[in-house]
Amino acid sequence: MNNDKISLDELVSLRNKNPEEMLNAVQNKLSDDKKSELFRILGDKKALEELLKSEQAQKLMKKFGNNG
């Protein structure tokens, strides 16, 4: 069973993939419950905006924008 954990390094390693490949890689690490939660958030504009404003999301976006 999946452990529902994705490390920052794993996410950063996906930054050169297209969005579909990224989503597939993330989905493969999640349980069915977590997948449902992910798609609920992605489909809810307000929830997605809140997620993107979070400290963790801001750090991740900075890391993705960094070349190193």
N, C-alpha and C. Protein backbone atom coordinates (compact mmCIF):
# COMPACT_ATOMS: atom_id res chain seq x y z
N MET A 1 0.84 -1.19 0.00
CA MET A 1 0.00 0.00 0.00
C MET A 1 0.87 1.24 0.00
N ASN A 2 0.38 2.31 -0.56
CA ASN A 2 1.09 3.57 -0.61
C ASN A 2 1.19 4.19 0.77
N ASN A 3 2.24 4.99 0.99
CA ASN A 3 2.42 5.57 2.32
C ASN A 3 1.94 7.01 2.43
N ASP A 4 1.37 7.57 1.37
CA ASP A 4 0.82 8.93 1.37
C ASP A 4 1.86 10.00 1.67
N LYS A 5 3.13 9.70 1.51
CA LYS A 5 4.19 10.67 1.75
C LYS A 5 4.97 10.90 0.47
N ILE A 6 5.16 12.15 0.16
CA ILE A 6 5.96 12.53 -1.00
C ILE A 6 6.96 13.55 -0.50
N SER A 7 8.22 13.25 -0.67
CA SER A 7 9.25 14.17 -0.17
C SER A 7 9.39 15.36 -1.11
N LEU A 8 9.94 16.43 -0.56
CA LEU A 8 10.21 17.62 -1.35
C LEU A 8 11.15 17.28 -2.50
N ASP A 9 12.15 16.47 -2.23
CA ASP A 9 13.09 16.07 -3.28
C ASP A 9 12.38 15.31 -4.41
N GLU A 10 11.41 14.46 -4.04
CA GLU A 10 10.66 13.73 -5.06
C GLU A 10 9.86 14.70 -5.93
N LEU A 11 9.23 15.68 -5.30
CA LEU A 11 8.45 16.65 -6.05
C LEU A 11 9.34 17.50 -6.96
N VAL A 12 10.46 17.95 -6.41
CA VAL A 12 11.37 18.77 -7.20
C VAL A 12 11.92 18.00 -8.40
N SER A 13 12.13 16.70 -8.21
CA SER A 13 12.64 15.88 -9.32
C SER A 13 11.64 15.80 -10.47
N LEU A 14 10.38 16.13 -10.20
CA LEU A 14 9.34 16.08 -11.23
C LEU A 14 9.16 17.40 -11.98
N ARG A 15 9.91 18.43 -11.58
CA ARG A 15 9.65 19.76 -12.12
C ARG A 15 9.84 19.88 -13.63
N ASN A 16 10.59 18.99 -14.23
CA ASN A 16 10.78 19.04 -15.69
C ASN A 16 9.79 18.17 -16.45
N LYS A 17 8.88 17.56 -15.73
CA LYS A 17 7.85 16.72 -16.36
C LYS A 17 6.66 17.59 -16.76
N ASN A 18 5.84 17.08 -17.65
CA ASN A 18 4.63 17.82 -17.96
C ASN A 18 3.62 17.60 -16.83
N PRO A 19 2.61 18.46 -16.72
CA PRO A 19 1.66 18.36 -15.61
C PRO A 19 1.00 16.99 -15.46
N GLU A 20 0.69 16.34 -16.56
CA GLU A 20 0.04 15.02 -16.49
C GLU A 20 0.98 13.99 -15.87
N GLU A 21 2.25 14.02 -16.28
CA GLU A 21 3.24 13.09 -15.71
C GLU A 21 3.44 13.36 -14.22
N MET A 22 3.45 14.63 -13.85
CA MET A 22 3.60 15.00 -12.44
C MET A 22 2.43 14.46 -11.62
N LEU A 23 1.22 14.69 -12.12
CA LEU A 23 0.03 14.25 -11.41
C LEU A 23 0.01 12.73 -11.28
N ASN A 24 0.36 12.02 -12.34
CA ASN A 24 0.40 10.56 -12.29
C ASN A 24 1.41 10.07 -11.25
N ALA A 25 2.58 10.70 -11.19
CA ALA A 25 3.60 10.30 -10.23
C ALA A 25 3.12 10.53 -8.80
N VAL A 26 2.45 11.64 -8.58
CA VAL A 26 1.92 11.94 -7.24
C VAL A 26 0.81 10.96 -6.89
N GLN A 27 -0.10 10.73 -7.82
CA GLN A 27 -1.22 9.80 -7.58
C GLN A 27 -0.74 8.41 -7.20
N ASN A 28 0.34 7.97 -7.82
CA ASN A 28 0.86 6.63 -7.55
C ASN A 28 1.36 6.48 -6.13
N LYS A 29 1.62 7.58 -5.45
CA LYS A 29 2.10 7.55 -4.08
C LYS A 29 0.97 7.65 -3.05
N LEU A 30 -0.25 7.90 -3.50
CA LEU A 30 -1.36 8.18 -2.58
C LEU A 30 -2.35 7.02 -2.48
N SER A 31 -2.93 6.91 -1.30
CA SER A 31 -4.03 5.96 -1.10
C SER A 31 -5.27 6.50 -1.82
N ASP A 32 -6.28 5.68 -1.96
CA ASP A 32 -7.51 6.11 -2.61
C ASP A 32 -8.14 7.29 -1.89
N ASP A 33 -8.11 7.29 -0.55
CA ASP A 33 -8.68 8.39 0.22
C ASP A 33 -7.95 9.70 -0.06
N LYS A 34 -6.63 9.63 -0.11
CA LYS A 34 -5.83 10.84 -0.36
C LYS A 34 -6.02 11.31 -1.80
N LYS A 35 -6.16 10.39 -2.74
CA LYS A 35 -6.43 10.78 -4.12
C LYS A 35 -7.74 11.53 -4.21
N SER A 36 -8.77 11.02 -3.52
CA SER A 36 -10.07 11.69 -3.52
C SER A 36 -9.96 13.09 -2.94
N GLU A 37 -9.20 13.22 -1.86
CA GLU A 37 -9.01 14.53 -1.23
C GLU A 37 -8.27 15.47 -2.18
N LEU A 38 -7.24 14.97 -2.86
CA LEU A 38 -6.48 15.78 -3.81
C LEU A 38 -7.40 16.31 -4.91
N PHE A 39 -8.20 15.43 -5.51
CA PHE A 39 -9.07 15.87 -6.60
C PHE A 39 -10.19 16.78 -6.11
N ARG A 40 -10.62 16.59 -4.87
CA ARG A 40 -11.62 17.51 -4.30
C ARG A 40 -11.02 18.91 -4.21
N ILE A 41 -9.80 19.00 -3.72
CA ILE A 41 -9.15 20.30 -3.58
C ILE A 41 -8.88 20.92 -4.95
N LEU A 42 -8.38 20.12 -5.89
CA LEU A 42 -8.10 20.64 -7.22
C LEU A 42 -9.35 21.13 -7.93
N GLY A 43 -10.50 20.56 -7.58
CA GLY A 43 -11.76 20.96 -8.19
C GLY A 43 -12.50 22.06 -7.45
N ASP A 44 -11.96 22.51 -6.33
CA ASP A 44 -12.60 23.53 -5.50
C ASP A 44 -11.71 24.78 -5.52
N LYS A 45 -12.13 25.79 -6.26
CA LYS A 45 -11.30 26.99 -6.46
C LYS A 45 -10.87 27.61 -5.13
N LYS A 46 -11.78 27.74 -4.19
CA LYS A 46 -11.46 28.37 -2.91
C LYS A 46 -10.45 27.52 -2.14
N ALA A 47 -10.67 26.21 -2.09
CA ALA A 47 -9.75 25.32 -1.37
C ALA A 47 -8.36 25.34 -2.02
N LEU A 48 -8.33 25.38 -3.35
CA LEU A 48 -7.05 25.41 -4.06
C LEU A 48 -6.31 26.71 -3.79
N GLU A 49 -7.05 27.83 -3.79
CA GLU A 49 -6.43 29.12 -3.49
C GLU A 49 -5.84 29.12 -2.08
N GLU A 50 -6.56 28.57 -1.12
CA GLU A 50 -6.06 28.49 0.25
C GLU A 50 -4.81 27.62 0.32
N LEU A 51 -4.83 26.50 -0.38
CA LEU A 51 -3.67 25.62 -0.41
C LEU A 51 -2.45 26.34 -0.98
N LEU A 52 -2.64 27.04 -2.08
CA LEU A 52 -1.52 27.72 -2.73
C LEU A 52 -0.96 28.87 -1.89
N LYS A 53 -1.74 29.39 -0.97
CA LYS A 53 -1.28 30.46 -0.08
C LYS A 53 -0.54 29.92 1.14
N SER A 54 -0.59 28.61 1.35
CA SER A 54 0.04 28.02 2.53
C SER A 54 1.56 28.17 2.47
N GLU A 55 2.16 28.18 3.64
CA GLU A 55 3.62 28.32 3.73
C GLU A 55 4.32 27.19 2.99
N GLN A 56 3.82 25.96 3.14
CA GLN A 56 4.44 24.82 2.47
C GLN A 56 4.37 24.96 0.96
N ALA A 57 3.23 25.41 0.44
CA ALA A 57 3.08 25.58 -1.00
C ALA A 57 4.00 26.68 -1.51
N GLN A 58 4.11 27.75 -0.75
CA GLN A 58 4.99 28.85 -1.16
C GLN A 58 6.45 28.38 -1.23
N LYS A 59 6.87 27.61 -0.24
CA LYS A 59 8.23 27.08 -0.23
C LYS A 59 8.45 26.15 -1.43
N LEU A 60 7.48 25.31 -1.71
CA LEU A 60 7.58 24.38 -2.83
C LEU A 60 7.66 25.13 -4.15
N MET A 61 6.84 26.16 -4.31
CA MET A 61 6.86 26.92 -5.55
C MET A 61 8.21 27.63 -5.72
N LYS A 62 8.78 28.12 -4.64
CA LYS A 62 10.11 28.74 -4.72
C LYS A 62 11.15 27.70 -5.13
N LYS A 63 11.05 26.50 -4.57
CA LYS A 63 11.99 25.43 -4.89
C LYS A 63 11.86 25.03 -6.36
N PHE A 64 10.63 24.96 -6.87
CA PHE A 64 10.43 24.62 -8.27
C PHE A 64 10.99 25.69 -9.18
N GLY A 65 10.94 26.93 -8.75
CA GLY A 65 11.45 28.02 -9.56
C GLY A 65 12.96 28.15 -9.53
N ASN A 66 13.59 27.47 -8.57
CA ASN A 66 15.03 27.53 -8.40
C ASN A 66 15.67 26.49 -9.32
N ASN A 67 16.76 26.85 -9.94
CA ASN A 67 17.45 25.91 -10.83
C ASN A 67 18.37 24.96 -10.11
N GLY A 68 18.54 25.12 -8.83
CA GLY A 68 19.47 24.27 -8.11
C GLY A 68 18.88 23.56 -6.95
